[in-house]
Amino acid sequence: MPNLGIPELLILLFIVVLLFGVGKLPQLGKGIGEGIRNFKQAVKDGGQDSEKKEPPTGNGSGNGPSAPK
């Protein structure tokens, strides 16, 4: 893997500023930070869903609620 020095990082920063503009950089950083935080939380939880899902209800036929007979 190539080593990234100061000149290469400055060029990358310049390209990012050109693409997104100075006003979008805080939003971009926030989005990346939230993504990293969510990834760490998912790894910590062992890949389990963070939201508890209720078991499906119905008659078990898979056709949805049945009409009264």
Protein backbone atom coordinates (compact mmCIF):
# COMPACT_ATOMS: atom_id res chain seq x y z
CA MET A 1 0.00 0.00 0.00
CA PRO A 2 1.48 3.36 -0.95
CA ASN A 3 2.42 5.78 1.79
CA LEU A 4 0.55 9.08 1.84
CA GLY A 5 2.74 12.00 2.77
CA ILE A 6 1.91 15.64 3.44
CA PRO A 7 1.93 16.70 -0.24
CA GLU A 8 -0.47 13.92 -1.23
CA LEU A 9 -2.83 14.72 1.64
CA LEU A 10 -2.84 18.40 0.70
CA ILE A 11 -3.71 17.53 -2.89
CA LEU A 12 -6.56 15.29 -1.69
CA LEU A 13 -7.85 18.05 0.60
CA PHE A 14 -7.73 20.53 -2.28
CA ILE A 15 -9.71 18.17 -4.53
CA VAL A 16 -12.33 17.61 -1.79
CA VAL A 17 -12.71 21.36 -1.32
CA LEU A 18 -13.12 21.80 -5.08
CA LEU A 19 -15.76 19.06 -5.29
CA PHE A 20 -17.85 19.88 -2.24
CA GLY A 21 -17.07 23.49 -1.44
CA VAL A 22 -16.16 24.98 1.92
CA GLY A 23 -19.79 25.14 3.09
CA LYS A 24 -20.41 21.42 2.64
CA LEU A 25 -17.31 20.23 4.51
CA PRO A 26 -18.89 20.33 8.01
CA GLN A 27 -21.90 18.36 6.75
CA LEU A 28 -19.60 15.87 5.04
CA GLY A 29 -17.57 15.41 8.23
CA LYS A 30 -20.74 14.97 10.28
CA GLY A 31 -22.03 12.32 7.88
CA ILE A 32 -18.76 10.41 7.93
CA GLY A 33 -18.62 10.60 11.73
CA GLU A 34 -22.18 9.27 12.07
CA GLY A 35 -21.38 6.45 9.68
CA ILE A 36 -18.31 5.44 11.67
CA ARG A 37 -20.29 5.65 14.92
CA ASN A 38 -23.06 3.45 13.50
CA PHE A 39 -20.51 0.94 12.23
CA LYS A 40 -18.80 0.73 15.62
CA GLN A 41 -22.16 0.28 17.35
CA ALA A 42 -23.11 -2.51 14.93
CA VAL A 43 -19.80 -4.28 15.54
CA LYS A 44 -20.24 -3.89 19.29
CA ASP A 45 -23.77 -5.33 19.15
CA GLY A 46 -22.53 -8.35 17.25
CA GLY A 47 -24.50 -7.61 14.10
CA GLN A 48 -27.88 -7.79 15.80
CA ASP A 49 -30.55 -5.31 14.73
CA SER A 50 -30.68 -2.34 17.06
CA GLU A 51 -34.44 -2.08 16.61
CA LYS A 52 -36.60 -4.77 18.14
CA LYS A 53 -39.03 -6.13 15.59
CA GLU A 54 -42.38 -7.49 16.67
CA PRO A 55 -43.24 -11.01 15.56
CA PRO A 56 -45.72 -11.12 12.69
CA THR A 57 -49.34 -11.69 13.59
CA GLY A 58 -51.93 -13.52 11.56
CA ASN A 59 -53.22 -16.98 10.85
CA GLY A 60 -49.90 -18.28 9.57
CA SER A 61 -51.02 -18.69 5.96
CA GLY A 62 -48.89 -15.78 4.80
CA ASN A 63 -51.76 -14.23 2.88
CA GLY A 64 -52.39 -11.43 5.36
CA PRO A 65 -55.50 -10.94 7.42
CA SER A 66 -58.34 -13.21 6.43
CA ALA A 67 -61.85 -12.00 5.78
CA PRO A 68 -64.58 -13.08 8.19
CA LYS A 69 -66.46 -16.17 7.05
